[in-house]
Amino acid sequence: MTAHITTAYEVAVPAQAELGEGPTWDPAAGRLVWVDILASRVHTYDPATGRRTVRTTEQHVGAAKPRVGGGLVLNLRDGVGLVDPDGTFRWLHRDPVPGRRGNDAAVAPDGALWAGTMRYDESPGGGTLTRVTGDGTARLVLDDVTVSNGTGWSPDGRLMYYIDTPTRRIDVFDVDGPRVRNRRPLARVEDGAGHPDGLTVDADGCVWVALWDGGAVRRYTPDGRLDRVIELPVPRTTACAFGGPDLTDLYITTARTGLTAPHPLSGALLVVPGAGRGLPQPAFAG
């Protein structure tokens, strides 16, 4: 079946982020949280009021996710840290490795953070995926990862989807308590269409994937069939998430890093109103 194609996007925040990433809807605060990794900034955006905030971190920040009770958990260069509701920062799990930084991360249904890493030089096998709980306990889930990216869970919590970008695949695992097993490919992004980056899972169990150097977000059905494409004018779409009070608006982060002649919207936060129906995202239990 031919995929449905749309270009109905709007500009939510006309930022010029170097490497915008990781949009996450915070229902308690009614706002979207996202990061600019290479500028070491955590952004928030309230679509109801237009209010925006920016917090600068002391290290490159790969992801920022809401915590139970307020505050944020951050996936930083040297490990995972916490921002308390009063703005105080403290480390939860430090694991500094020279030449490596935190990248995308996601909170599992049980409230644990699955934090990815990668080498700055993107050397093969230099990254990891680690499960970090609220007490600071960290367990290595995957090593031999190159660019750890999108991670998400099916609506029933029985499947986990994962992207190691250079593989060009969206992989799926069976969830076995705090562990995953039986890794296999759900879909592969064909040559010339860009590289899979961040992902989100909707209420129908479909997987939405942003394509780096693909200028698009794709939706794949639970059986791996491509059924929708959102075409965008910026080449480096990085991640996507549903937000708004009804979780029907798809927010998309973008990047301008590495582009000799970036599009005027490269680095902006984009939104496709009424794109679908998202899943409520759990907050970090810590």
C-alpha atoms as a PDB file:
ATOM      1  CA  MET A   1       0.000   0.000   0.000  1.00  0.00           C
ATOM      2  CA  THR A   2       1.227   3.483  -0.861  1.00  0.00           C
ATOM      3  CA  ALA A   3       1.925   5.614   2.187  1.00  0.00           C
ATOM      4  CA  HIS A   4      -0.219   8.673   2.806  1.00  0.00           C
ATOM      5  CA  ILE A   5       1.870  11.828   2.463  1.00  0.00           C
ATOM      6  CA  THR A   6       1.194  15.162   4.165  1.00  0.00           C
ATOM      7  CA  THR A   7       3.065  18.442   4.668  1.00  0.00           C
ATOM      8  CA  ALA A   8       0.637  20.128   7.116  1.00  0.00           C
ATOM      9  CA  TYR A   9       3.105  21.447   9.659  1.00  0.00           C
ATOM     10  CA  GLU A  10       3.299  24.656  11.702  1.00  0.00           C
ATOM     11  CA  VAL A  11       6.187  26.383  13.473  1.00  0.00           C
ATOM     12  CA  ALA A  12       5.775  26.036  17.249  1.00  0.00           C
ATOM     13  CA  VAL A  13       9.058  27.683  18.265  1.00  0.00           C
ATOM     14  CA  PRO A  14      11.213  29.431  15.626  1.00  0.00           C
ATOM     15  CA  ALA A  15      14.425  28.457  17.379  1.00  0.00           C
ATOM     16  CA  GLN A  16      17.714  27.882  15.606  1.00  0.00           C
ATOM     17  CA  ALA A  17      18.850  24.923  17.662  1.00  0.00           C
ATOM     18  CA  GLU A  18      22.163  23.373  16.734  1.00  0.00           C
ATOM     19  CA  LEU A  19      20.866  19.899  17.526  1.00  0.00           C
ATOM     20  CA  GLY A  20      17.258  19.968  18.714  1.00  0.00           C
ATOM     21  CA  GLU A  21      16.197  16.627  20.153  1.00  0.00           C
ATOM     22  CA  GLY A  22      13.970  14.637  22.472  1.00  0.00           C
ATOM     23  CA  PRO A  23      10.556  16.361  22.606  1.00  0.00           C
ATOM     24  CA  THR A  24       8.486  15.109  25.559  1.00  0.00           C
ATOM     25  CA  TRP A  25       5.071  16.268  26.743  1.00  0.00           C
ATOM     26  CA  ASP A  26       4.877  17.026  30.460  1.00  0.00           C
ATOM     27  CA  PRO A  27       1.161  16.695  31.322  1.00  0.00           C
ATOM     28  CA  ALA A  28       1.552  17.946  34.892  1.00  0.00           C
ATOM     29  CA  ALA A  29       2.994  21.243  33.669  1.00  0.00           C
ATOM     30  CA  GLY A  30       1.093  21.374  30.353  1.00  0.00           C
ATOM     31  CA  ARG A  31       4.254  21.987  28.386  1.00  0.00           C
ATOM     32  CA  LEU A  32       6.692  20.402  25.969  1.00  0.00           C
ATOM     33  CA  VAL A  33      10.276  19.740  27.099  1.00  0.00           C
ATOM     34  CA  TRP A  34      13.062  19.418  24.520  1.00  0.00           C
ATOM     35  CA  VAL A  35      16.819  19.889  24.318  1.00  0.00           C
ATOM     36  CA  ASP A  36      19.495  21.434  22.149  1.00  0.00           C
ATOM     37  CA  ILE A  37      22.245  18.887  22.736  1.00  0.00           C
ATOM     38  CA  LEU A  38      25.294  20.761  21.475  1.00  0.00           C
ATOM     39  CA  ALA A  39      24.214  24.109  22.952  1.00  0.00           C
ATOM     40  CA  SER A  40      23.713  22.436  26.370  1.00  0.00           C
ATOM     41  CA  ARG A  41      20.183  23.814  26.696  1.00  0.00           C
ATOM     42  CA  VAL A  42      16.904  22.447  28.007  1.00  0.00           C
ATOM     43  CA  HIS A  43      13.873  24.189  26.487  1.00  0.00           C
ATOM     44  CA  THR A  44      10.236  24.231  27.559  1.00  0.00           C
ATOM     45  CA  TYR A  45       7.244  25.454  25.560  1.00  0.00           C
ATOM     46  CA  ASP A  46       3.662  25.984  26.727  1.00  0.00           C
ATOM     47  CA  PRO A  47       1.430  25.965  23.629  1.00  0.00           C
ATOM     48  CA  ALA A  48      -1.528  27.419  25.558  1.00  0.00           C
ATOM     49  CA  THR A  49       0.304  30.610  26.535  1.00  0.00           C
ATOM     50  CA  GLY A  50       3.324  30.629  24.246  1.00  0.00           C
ATOM     51  CA  ARG A  51       5.604  30.836  27.283  1.00  0.00           C
ATOM     52  CA  ARG A  52       9.108  29.488  26.753  1.00  0.00           C
ATOM     53  CA  THR A  53      11.994  28.839  29.134  1.00  0.00           C
ATOM     54  CA  VAL A  54      15.622  27.883  28.575  1.00  0.00           C
ATOM     55  CA  ARG A  55      17.969  26.282  31.119  1.00  0.00           C
ATOM     56  CA  THR A  56      21.668  25.959  30.344  1.00  0.00           C
ATOM     57  CA  THR A  57      23.445  22.825  31.546  1.00  0.00           C
ATOM     58  CA  GLU A  58      27.137  22.473  32.329  1.00  0.00           C
ATOM     59  CA  GLN A  59      27.523  19.600  29.852  1.00  0.00           C
ATOM     60  CA  HIS A  60      26.020  18.540  26.550  1.00  0.00           C
ATOM     61  CA  VAL A  61      22.524  17.245  27.318  1.00  0.00           C
ATOM     62  CA  GLY A  62      21.149  14.360  25.262  1.00  0.00           C
ATOM     63  CA  ALA A  63      17.689  14.218  26.817  1.00  0.00           C
ATOM     64  CA  ALA A  64      15.495  15.790  29.508  1.00  0.00           C
ATOM     65  CA  LYS A  65      12.421  13.987  30.878  1.00  0.00           C
ATOM     66  CA  PRO A  66       9.866  14.948  33.539  1.00  0.00           C
ATOM     67  CA  ARG A  67      10.122  13.390  37.012  1.00  0.00           C
ATOM     68  CA  VAL A  68       7.349  12.247  39.308  1.00  0.00           C
ATOM     69  CA  GLY A  69       6.645  15.182  41.605  1.00  0.00           C
ATOM     70  CA  GLY A  70       8.302  17.740  39.342  1.00  0.00           C
ATOM     71  CA  GLY A  71      11.772  18.501  38.080  1.00  0.00           C
ATOM     72  CA  LEU A  72      13.696  16.740  35.332  1.00  0.00           C
ATOM     73  CA  VAL A  73      16.055  13.834  34.760  1.00  0.00           C
ATOM     74  CA  LEU A  74      18.899  14.676  32.356  1.00  0.00           C
ATOM     75  CA  ASN A  75      21.030  12.394  30.187  1.00  0.00           C
ATOM     76  CA  LEU A  76      24.314  14.306  30.187  1.00  0.00           C
ATOM     77  CA  ARG A  77      27.831  13.808  28.845  1.00  0.00           C
ATOM     78  CA  ASP A  78      29.103  12.113  31.998  1.00  0.00           C
ATOM     79  CA  GLY A  79      25.959  10.325  33.171  1.00  0.00           C
ATOM     80  CA  VAL A  80      22.449  10.918  34.476  1.00  0.00           C
ATOM     81  CA  GLY A  81      21.546  13.867  36.709  1.00  0.00           C
ATOM     82  CA  LEU A  82      18.455  15.265  38.407  1.00  0.00           C
ATOM     83  CA  VAL A  83      16.994  18.754  38.486  1.00  0.00           C
ATOM     84  CA  ASP A  84      14.769  19.215  41.525  1.00  0.00           C
ATOM     85  CA  PRO A  85      11.574  21.311  41.367  1.00  0.00           C
ATOM     86  CA  ASP A  86      13.479  24.239  42.922  1.00  0.00           C
ATOM     87  CA  GLY A  87      16.082  24.089  40.143  1.00  0.00           C
ATOM     88  CA  THR A  88      18.826  22.399  42.166  1.00  0.00           C
ATOM     89  CA  PHE A  89      21.008  19.962  40.196  1.00  0.00           C
ATOM     90  CA  ARG A  90      22.546  16.748  41.540  1.00  0.00           C
ATOM     91  CA  TRP A  91      24.085  13.666  39.964  1.00  0.00           C
ATOM     92  CA  LEU A  92      22.187  10.377  40.089  1.00  0.00           C
ATOM     93  CA  HIS A  93      24.583   8.118  38.154  1.00  0.00           C
ATOM     94  CA  ARG A  94      28.014   9.229  36.957  1.00  0.00           C
ATOM     95  CA  ASP A  95      29.778   7.185  34.286  1.00  0.00           C
ATOM     96  CA  PRO A  96      32.245   9.481  32.488  1.00  0.00           C
ATOM     97  CA  VAL A  97      34.026   8.010  29.469  1.00  0.00           C
ATOM     98  CA  PRO A  98      36.388  10.289  27.529  1.00  0.00           C
ATOM     99  CA  GLY A  99      35.046  11.028  24.053  1.00  0.00           C
ATOM    100  CA  ARG A 100      31.511   9.786  24.842  1.00  0.00           C
ATOM    101  CA  ARG A 101      28.277  11.624  25.639  1.00  0.00           C
ATOM    102  CA  GLY A 102      24.666  10.955  26.493  1.00  0.00           C
ATOM    103  CA  ASN A 103      22.238  10.932  23.588  1.00  0.00           C
ATOM    104  CA  ASP A 104      18.534  10.086  23.371  1.00  0.00           C
ATOM    105  CA  ALA A 105      16.739   8.561  26.371  1.00  0.00           C
ATOM    106  CA  ALA A 106      13.241   7.426  27.292  1.00  0.00           C
ATOM    107  CA  VAL A 107      11.263   6.569  30.406  1.00  0.00           C
ATOM    108  CA  ALA A 108       9.832   3.050  30.487  1.00  0.00           C
ATOM    109  CA  PRO A 109       6.354   2.180  31.784  1.00  0.00           C
ATOM    110  CA  ASP A 110       7.904   1.203  35.139  1.00  0.00           C
ATOM    111  CA  GLY A 111       9.450   4.670  35.560  1.00  0.00           C
ATOM    112  CA  ALA A 112      13.071   3.725  34.809  1.00  0.00           C
ATOM    113  CA  LEU A 113      15.194   5.770  32.412  1.00  0.00           C
ATOM    114  CA  TRP A 114      16.731   3.986  29.434  1.00  0.00           C
ATOM    115  CA  ALA A 115      19.688   6.213  28.623  1.00  0.00           C
ATOM    116  CA  GLY A 116      21.681   5.967  25.406  1.00  0.00           C
ATOM    117  CA  THR A 117      25.225   7.088  24.679  1.00  0.00           C
ATOM    118  CA  MET A 118      27.472   7.557  21.650  1.00  0.00           C
ATOM    119  CA  ARG A 119      31.030   8.568  20.824  1.00  0.00           C
ATOM    120  CA  TYR A 120      31.526  12.116  19.598  1.00  0.00           C
ATOM    121  CA  ASP A 121      33.344  10.679  16.582  1.00  0.00           C
ATOM    122  CA  GLU A 122      30.524   8.116  16.101  1.00  0.00           C
ATOM    123  CA  SER A 123      33.025   5.261  16.135  1.00  0.00           C
ATOM    124  CA  PRO A 124      31.261   1.897  15.702  1.00  0.00           C
ATOM    125  CA  GLY A 125      30.374   0.112  18.921  1.00  0.00           C
ATOM    126  CA  GLY A 126      31.352   3.060  21.117  1.00  0.00           C
ATOM    127  CA  GLY A 127      27.891   3.621  22.584  1.00  0.00           C
ATOM    128  CA  THR A 128      25.597   1.886  25.060  1.00  0.00           C
ATOM    129  CA  LEU A 129      22.022   1.667  26.329  1.00  0.00           C
ATOM    130  CA  THR A 130      21.688   1.581  30.127  1.00  0.00           C
ATOM    131  CA  ARG A 131      18.661   1.256  32.407  1.00  0.00           C
ATOM    132  CA  VAL A 132      18.829   3.665  35.356  1.00  0.00           C
ATOM    133  CA  THR A 133      16.352   3.542  38.245  1.00  0.00           C
ATOM    134  CA  GLY A 134      15.420   6.247  40.717  1.00  0.00           C
ATOM    135  CA  ASP A 135      17.870   5.053  43.348  1.00  0.00           C
ATOM    136  CA  GLY A 136      20.768   5.408  40.921  1.00  0.00           C
ATOM    137  CA  THR A 137      21.103   1.713  40.105  1.00  0.00           C
ATOM    138  CA  ALA A 138      22.373   1.307  36.546  1.00  0.00           C
ATOM    139  CA  ARG A 139      22.332  -1.879  34.457  1.00  0.00           C
ATOM    140  CA  LEU A 140      23.889  -2.120  31.005  1.00  0.00           C
ATOM    141  CA  VAL A 141      21.272  -3.345  28.531  1.00  0.00           C
ATOM    142  CA  LEU A 142      23.140  -3.036  25.223  1.00  0.00           C
ATOM    143  CA  ASP A 143      26.751  -2.415  24.347  1.00  0.00           C
ATOM    144  CA  ASP A 144      28.316  -2.381  20.882  1.00  0.00           C
ATOM    145  CA  VAL A 145      25.950   0.454  19.952  1.00  0.00           C
ATOM    146  CA  THR A 146      27.114   3.221  17.620  1.00  0.00           C
ATOM    147  CA  VAL A 147      24.496   6.017  17.888  1.00  0.00           C
ATOM    148  CA  SER A 148      21.872   5.089  20.479  1.00  0.00           C
ATOM    149  CA  ASN A 149      18.649   6.838  19.519  1.00  0.00           C
ATOM    150  CA  GLY A 150      14.872   6.356  19.582  1.00  0.00           C
ATOM    151  CA  THR A 151      13.439   4.120  22.301  1.00  0.00           C
ATOM    152  CA  GLY A 152       9.755   3.459  23.037  1.00  0.00           C
ATOM    153  CA  TRP A 153       7.236   0.878  24.238  1.00  0.00           C
ATOM    154  CA  SER A 154       4.056  -0.594  22.794  1.00  0.00           C
ATOM    155  CA  PRO A 155       0.743   0.424  24.405  1.00  0.00           C
ATOM    156  CA  ASP A 156       0.582  -2.854  26.380  1.00  0.00           C
ATOM    157  CA  GLY A 157       4.226  -2.580  27.450  1.00  0.00           C
ATOM    158  CA  ARG A 158       5.132  -5.965  25.982  1.00  0.00           C
ATOM    159  CA  LEU A 159       7.388  -4.651  23.195  1.00  0.00           C
ATOM    160  CA  MET A 160      10.234  -2.152  23.128  1.00  0.00           C
ATOM    161  CA  TYR A 161      11.316  -0.378  19.945  1.00  0.00           C
ATOM    162  CA  TYR A 162      14.873   0.848  19.505  1.00  0.00           C
ATOM    163  CA  ILE A 163      17.081   2.575  16.938  1.00  0.00           C
ATOM    164  CA  ASP A 164      20.853   2.424  16.552  1.00  0.00           C
ATOM    165  CA  THR A 165      20.926   4.959  13.735  1.00  0.00           C
ATOM    166  CA  PRO A 166      23.692   3.597  11.444  1.00  0.00           C
ATOM    167  CA  THR A 167      21.914   0.223  11.198  1.00  0.00           C
ATOM    168  CA  ARG A 168      19.088   2.021   9.314  1.00  0.00           C
ATOM    169  CA  ARG A 169      16.673  -0.229  11.250  1.00  0.00           C
ATOM    170  CA  ILE A 170      13.873   0.127  13.741  1.00  0.00           C
ATOM    171  CA  ASP A 171      14.312  -2.929  15.953  1.00  0.00           C
ATOM    172  CA  VAL A 172      11.801  -4.505  18.317  1.00  0.00           C
ATOM    173  CA  PHE A 173      12.392  -6.514  21.506  1.00  0.00           C
ATOM    174  CA  ASP A 174      10.153  -8.553  23.763  1.00  0.00           C
ATOM    175  CA  VAL A 175       9.977  -7.001  27.229  1.00  0.00           C
ATOM    176  CA  ASP A 176      10.834  -9.400  30.045  1.00  0.00           C
ATOM    177  CA  GLY A 177      10.373  -7.424  33.275  1.00  0.00           C
ATOM    178  CA  PRO A 178      13.262  -4.919  33.458  1.00  0.00           C
ATOM    179  CA  ARG A 179      15.045  -6.741  30.619  1.00  0.00           C
ATOM    180  CA  VAL A 180      14.515  -7.130  26.881  1.00  0.00           C
ATOM    181  CA  ARG A 181      15.189 -10.114  24.622  1.00  0.00           C
ATOM    182  CA  ASN A 182      14.604 -11.511  21.133  1.00  0.00           C
ATOM    183  CA  ARG A 183      15.824  -8.511  19.139  1.00  0.00           C
ATOM    184  CA  ARG A 184      14.609  -8.446  15.547  1.00  0.00           C
ATOM    185  CA  PRO A 185      14.005  -5.810  12.854  1.00  0.00           C
ATOM    186  CA  LEU A 186      10.580  -4.168  12.560  1.00  0.00           C
ATOM    187  CA  ALA A 187      11.474  -2.093   9.487  1.00  0.00           C
ATOM    188  CA  ARG A 188      14.465  -0.773   7.557  1.00  0.00           C
ATOM    189  CA  VAL A 189      14.801   2.700   6.096  1.00  0.00           C
ATOM    190  CA  GLU A 190      15.899   2.320   2.505  1.00  0.00           C
ATOM    191  CA  ASP A 191      19.070   3.897   1.159  1.00  0.00           C
ATOM    192  CA  GLY A 192      18.578   7.516   0.121  1.00  0.00           C
ATOM    193  CA  ALA A 193      15.660   8.146   2.484  1.00  0.00           C
ATOM    194  CA  GLY A 194      17.715   9.346   5.440  1.00  0.00           C
ATOM    195  CA  HIS A 195      18.645   7.669   8.719  1.00  0.00           C
ATOM    196  CA  PRO A 196      16.212   6.765  11.526  1.00  0.00           C
ATOM    197  CA  ASP A 197      16.660   8.966  14.594  1.00  0.00           C
ATOM    198  CA  GLY A 198      14.145   9.550  17.401  1.00  0.00           C
ATOM    199  CA  LEU A 199      10.810   7.741  17.667  1.00  0.00           C
ATOM    200  CA  THR A 200       7.486   7.744  19.469  1.00  0.00           C
ATOM    201  CA  VAL A 201       4.715   5.146  19.718  1.00  0.00           C
ATOM    202  CA  ASP A 202       1.061   6.162  19.338  1.00  0.00           C
ATOM    203  CA  ALA A 203      -2.100   4.805  20.949  1.00  0.00           C
ATOM    204  CA  ASP A 204      -2.636   2.410  18.031  1.00  0.00           C
ATOM    205  CA  GLY A 205       0.819   0.894  18.531  1.00  0.00           C
ATOM    206  CA  CYS A 206       2.253   2.526  15.413  1.00  0.00           C
ATOM    207  CA  VAL A 207       5.853   3.764  15.502  1.00  0.00           C
ATOM    208  CA  TRP A 208       6.630   7.289  14.300  1.00  0.00           C
ATOM    209  CA  VAL A 209      10.268   7.835  13.286  1.00  0.00           C
ATOM    210  CA  ALA A 210      12.108  11.063  12.434  1.00  0.00           C
ATOM    211  CA  LEU A 211      14.573  10.758   9.549  1.00  0.00           C
ATOM    212  CA  TRP A 212      17.935  12.533   9.821  1.00  0.00           C
ATOM    213  CA  ASP A 213      18.840  13.817   6.360  1.00  0.00           C
ATOM    214  CA  GLY A 214      15.454  12.556   5.228  1.00  0.00           C
ATOM    215  CA  GLY A 215      13.334  15.655   5.820  1.00  0.00           C
ATOM    216  CA  ALA A 216      10.417  13.591   7.039  1.00  0.00           C
ATOM    217  CA  VAL A 217       8.681  11.695   9.814  1.00  0.00           C
ATOM    218  CA  ARG A 218       7.330   8.246   8.994  1.00  0.00           C
ATOM    219  CA  ARG A 219       4.727   6.088  10.694  1.00  0.00           C
ATOM    220  CA  TYR A 220       5.107   2.315  10.661  1.00  0.00           C
ATOM    221  CA  THR A 221       2.323  -0.067  11.687  1.00  0.00           C
ATOM    222  CA  PRO A 222       2.994  -2.735  14.356  1.00  0.00           C
ATOM    223  CA  ASP A 223       3.712  -5.231  11.569  1.00  0.00           C
ATOM    224  CA  GLY A 224       6.371  -2.945  10.062  1.00  0.00           C
ATOM    225  CA  ARG A 225       4.385  -1.527   7.147  1.00  0.00           C
ATOM    226  CA  LEU A 226       4.992   2.109   6.185  1.00  0.00           C
ATOM    227  CA  ASP A 227       1.599   3.814   6.093  1.00  0.00           C
ATOM    228  CA  ARG A 228       2.215   7.546   6.510  1.00  0.00           C
ATOM    229  CA  VAL A 229       4.905  10.108   5.676  1.00  0.00           C
ATOM    230  CA  ILE A 230       5.038  13.722   6.880  1.00  0.00           C
ATOM    231  CA  GLU A 231       7.325  15.644   4.542  1.00  0.00           C
ATOM    232  CA  LEU A 232       9.138  18.666   5.981  1.00  0.00           C
ATOM    233  CA  PRO A 233      11.320  21.390   4.436  1.00  0.00           C
ATOM    234  CA  VAL A 234      14.229  20.850   6.830  1.00  0.00           C
ATOM    235  CA  PRO A 235      16.611  17.963   6.060  1.00  0.00           C
ATOM    236  CA  ARG A 236      17.583  17.077   9.634  1.00  0.00           C
ATOM    237  CA  THR A 237      14.462  16.021  11.492  1.00  0.00           C
ATOM    238  CA  THR A 238      15.611  14.437  14.746  1.00  0.00           C
ATOM    239  CA  ALA A 239      12.744  13.256  16.963  1.00  0.00           C
ATOM    240  CA  CYS A 240       8.993  13.445  17.481  1.00  0.00           C
ATOM    241  CA  ALA A 241       6.414  13.192  20.276  1.00  0.00           C
ATOM    242  CA  PHE A 242       2.705  13.748  20.765  1.00  0.00           C
ATOM    243  CA  GLY A 243       1.665  16.639  22.969  1.00  0.00           C
ATOM    244  CA  GLY A 244      -1.127  19.015  23.840  1.00  0.00           C
ATOM    245  CA  PRO A 245      -3.944  18.320  26.303  1.00  0.00           C
ATOM    246  CA  ASP A 246      -5.372  15.528  24.129  1.00  0.00           C
ATOM    247  CA  LEU A 247      -1.997  14.222  22.891  1.00  0.00           C
ATOM    248  CA  THR A 248      -3.053  14.734  19.289  1.00  0.00           C
ATOM    249  CA  ASP A 249      -0.408  17.210  18.097  1.00  0.00           C
ATOM    250  CA  LEU A 250       2.881  15.795  16.818  1.00  0.00           C
ATOM    251  CA  TYR A 251       5.887  17.899  17.832  1.00  0.00           C
ATOM    252  CA  ILE A 252       9.070  17.498  15.779  1.00  0.00           C
ATOM    253  CA  THR A 253      12.581  18.681  16.677  1.00  0.00           C
ATOM    254  CA  THR A 254      15.121  19.590  14.006  1.00  0.00           C
ATOM    255  CA  ALA A 255      18.820  20.431  13.687  1.00  0.00           C
ATOM    256  CA  ARG A 256      21.083  22.779  11.744  1.00  0.00           C
ATOM    257  CA  THR A 257      24.448  21.381  12.809  1.00  0.00           C
ATOM    258  CA  GLY A 258      26.672  20.319   9.920  1.00  0.00           C
ATOM    259  CA  LEU A 259      24.625  22.081   7.254  1.00  0.00           C
ATOM    260  CA  THR A 260      26.536  24.535   5.073  1.00  0.00           C
ATOM    261  CA  ALA A 261      23.324  26.276   3.966  1.00  0.00           C
ATOM    262  CA  PRO A 262      20.620  25.415   6.529  1.00  0.00           C
ATOM    263  CA  HIS A 263      16.957  25.982   5.741  1.00  0.00           C
ATOM    264  CA  PRO A 264      15.531  28.990   7.653  1.00  0.00           C
ATOM    265  CA  LEU A 265      13.513  26.535   9.789  1.00  0.00           C
ATOM    266  CA  SER A 266      16.429  24.221  10.524  1.00  0.00           C
ATOM    267  CA  GLY A 267      16.620  24.034  14.310  1.00  0.00           C
ATOM    268  CA  ALA A 268      12.979  25.028  14.840  1.00  0.00           C
ATOM    269  CA  LEU A 269      10.415  23.100  16.857  1.00  0.00           C
ATOM    270  CA  LEU A 270       7.657  22.120  14.422  1.00  0.00           C
ATOM    271  CA  VAL A 271       4.170  20.752  15.081  1.00  0.00           C
ATOM    272  CA  VAL A 272       1.584  18.875  13.028  1.00  0.00           C
ATOM    273  CA  PRO A 273      -1.799  19.537  14.680  1.00  0.00           C
ATOM    274  CA  GLY A 274      -4.180  16.590  14.875  1.00  0.00           C
ATOM    275  CA  ALA A 275      -1.622  14.146  13.482  1.00  0.00           C
ATOM    276  CA  GLY A 276      -2.811  11.210  15.573  1.00  0.00           C
ATOM    277  CA  ARG A 277      -3.304  10.102  19.155  1.00  0.00           C
ATOM    278  CA  GLY A 278      -0.309   9.645  21.427  1.00  0.00           C
ATOM    279  CA  LEU A 279       0.270   7.638  24.566  1.00  0.00           C
ATOM    280  CA  PRO A 280       0.695   9.325  27.953  1.00  0.00           C
ATOM    281  CA  GLN A 281       4.419   9.204  28.746  1.00  0.00           C
ATOM    282  CA  PRO A 282       5.433   8.047  32.218  1.00  0.00           C
ATOM    283  CA  ALA A 283       7.501  10.325  34.409  1.00  0.00           C
ATOM    284  CA  PHE A 284      10.827   9.223  35.832  1.00  0.00           C
ATOM    285  CA  ALA A 285      10.312   7.615  39.220  1.00  0.00           C
ATOM    286  CA  GLY A 286      13.142   9.307  41.073  1.00  0.00           C
END
